[in-house]
Amino acid sequence: MKQEIEIIQYDENIGIQFNWEENFAIEVKNEGGEVIISANSEGLLSLAKHLLTLAQNEVPVGAHIHLDEYNSLEEGSIGLIIEKRN
């Protein structure tokens, strides 16, 4: 299967722009010291696009996305930070 995913090109004047799929749902929880990320198809596609966005060569090290129940995750989710490093 081949899936085409469109990501927004990084622009240092604007910063990172993330593109969410409609009707996405993502939950992050800690069970017994293990982090579980569960999402519907739209949520998984959104996360894939976010990872590809951060992976762009032009995106500076330290750039990140911070998600929690007040920003894009389901109620009761623990916070999730995805950060670009060297």
Protein backbone atom coordinates (compact mmCIF):
# COMPACT_ATOMS: atom_id res chain seq x y z
CA MET A 1 0.00 0.00 0.00
CA LYS A 2 1.22 3.48 -0.82
CA GLN A 3 -0.05 6.47 1.17
CA GLU A 4 0.71 10.04 0.19
CA ILE A 5 0.98 12.49 3.06
CA GLU A 6 1.20 16.23 2.57
CA ILE A 7 3.18 18.18 5.14
CA ILE A 8 3.62 21.93 5.43
CA GLN A 9 7.12 23.10 4.47
CA TYR A 10 8.96 24.69 7.40
CA ASP A 11 9.37 28.47 7.17
CA GLU A 12 11.66 30.11 9.75
CA ASN A 13 9.56 33.30 9.57
CA ILE A 14 6.35 31.47 10.47
CA GLY A 15 7.69 28.52 12.46
CA ILE A 16 6.37 24.99 12.46
CA GLN A 17 2.83 24.50 11.20
CA PHE A 18 1.06 21.25 12.00
CA ASN A 19 -1.82 19.89 9.96
CA TRP A 20 -4.49 17.82 11.71
CA GLU A 21 -6.84 15.36 10.05
CA GLU A 22 -10.53 16.02 10.65
CA ASN A 23 -12.12 14.01 13.46
CA PHE A 24 -8.76 12.91 14.92
CA ALA A 25 -8.71 11.34 18.38
CA ILE A 26 -5.54 10.63 20.34
CA GLU A 27 -5.13 9.43 23.92
CA VAL A 28 -1.86 9.07 25.81
CA LYS A 29 -1.66 7.21 29.11
CA ASN A 30 0.89 5.69 31.44
CA GLU A 31 0.12 2.13 32.48
CA GLY A 32 2.66 0.42 34.69
CA GLY A 33 5.49 2.66 33.54
CA GLU A 34 4.73 2.16 29.85
CA VAL A 35 3.41 4.95 27.65
CA ILE A 36 0.45 3.96 25.50
CA ILE A 37 -0.58 6.12 22.56
CA SER A 38 -3.94 5.09 21.18
CA ALA A 39 -5.57 6.87 18.27
CA ASN A 40 -8.11 6.45 15.53
CA SER A 41 -6.93 6.41 11.90
CA GLU A 42 -7.16 10.19 11.64
CA GLY A 43 -5.14 10.58 14.84
CA LEU A 44 -2.44 8.22 13.60
CA LEU A 45 -2.20 10.07 10.28
CA SER A 46 -1.97 13.37 12.15
CA LEU A 47 0.87 12.06 14.33
CA ALA A 48 2.66 10.70 11.24
CA LYS A 49 2.45 14.14 9.61
CA HIS A 50 3.72 15.83 12.77
CA LEU A 51 6.74 13.50 12.90
CA LEU A 52 7.51 14.16 9.23
CA THR A 53 7.13 17.90 9.80
CA LEU A 54 9.65 17.82 12.66
CA ALA A 55 12.01 15.65 10.57
CA GLN A 56 12.47 18.31 7.88
CA ASN A 57 16.13 19.33 7.59
CA GLU A 58 15.23 23.01 7.96
CA VAL A 59 13.49 22.48 11.33
CA PRO A 60 15.96 23.44 14.09
CA VAL A 61 17.09 21.06 16.80
CA GLY A 62 14.98 21.58 19.92
CA ALA A 63 11.79 22.26 17.97
CA HIS A 64 8.93 20.31 19.47
CA ILE A 65 5.24 19.72 19.73
CA HIS A 66 3.64 19.61 23.17
CA LEU A 67 0.30 17.84 23.41
CA ASP A 68 -1.93 17.37 26.46
CA GLU A 69 -5.59 17.08 27.31
CA TYR A 70 -5.96 20.84 26.87
CA ASN A 71 -4.18 20.80 23.50
CA SER A 72 -5.35 18.10 21.09
CA LEU A 73 -5.39 14.96 23.28
CA GLU A 74 -8.41 13.23 24.77
CA GLU A 75 -9.53 14.19 28.27
CA GLY A 76 -7.52 12.39 30.95
CA SER A 77 -4.44 12.00 28.73
CA ILE A 78 -0.98 12.61 30.12
CA GLY A 79 1.22 15.16 28.37
CA LEU A 80 3.31 14.16 25.36
CA ILE A 81 6.29 16.11 24.03
CA ILE A 82 7.92 15.13 20.75
CA GLU A 83 11.20 16.97 20.20
CA LYS A 84 13.75 17.07 17.39
CA ARG A 85 17.33 16.35 18.40
CA ASN A 86 20.65 15.72 16.68
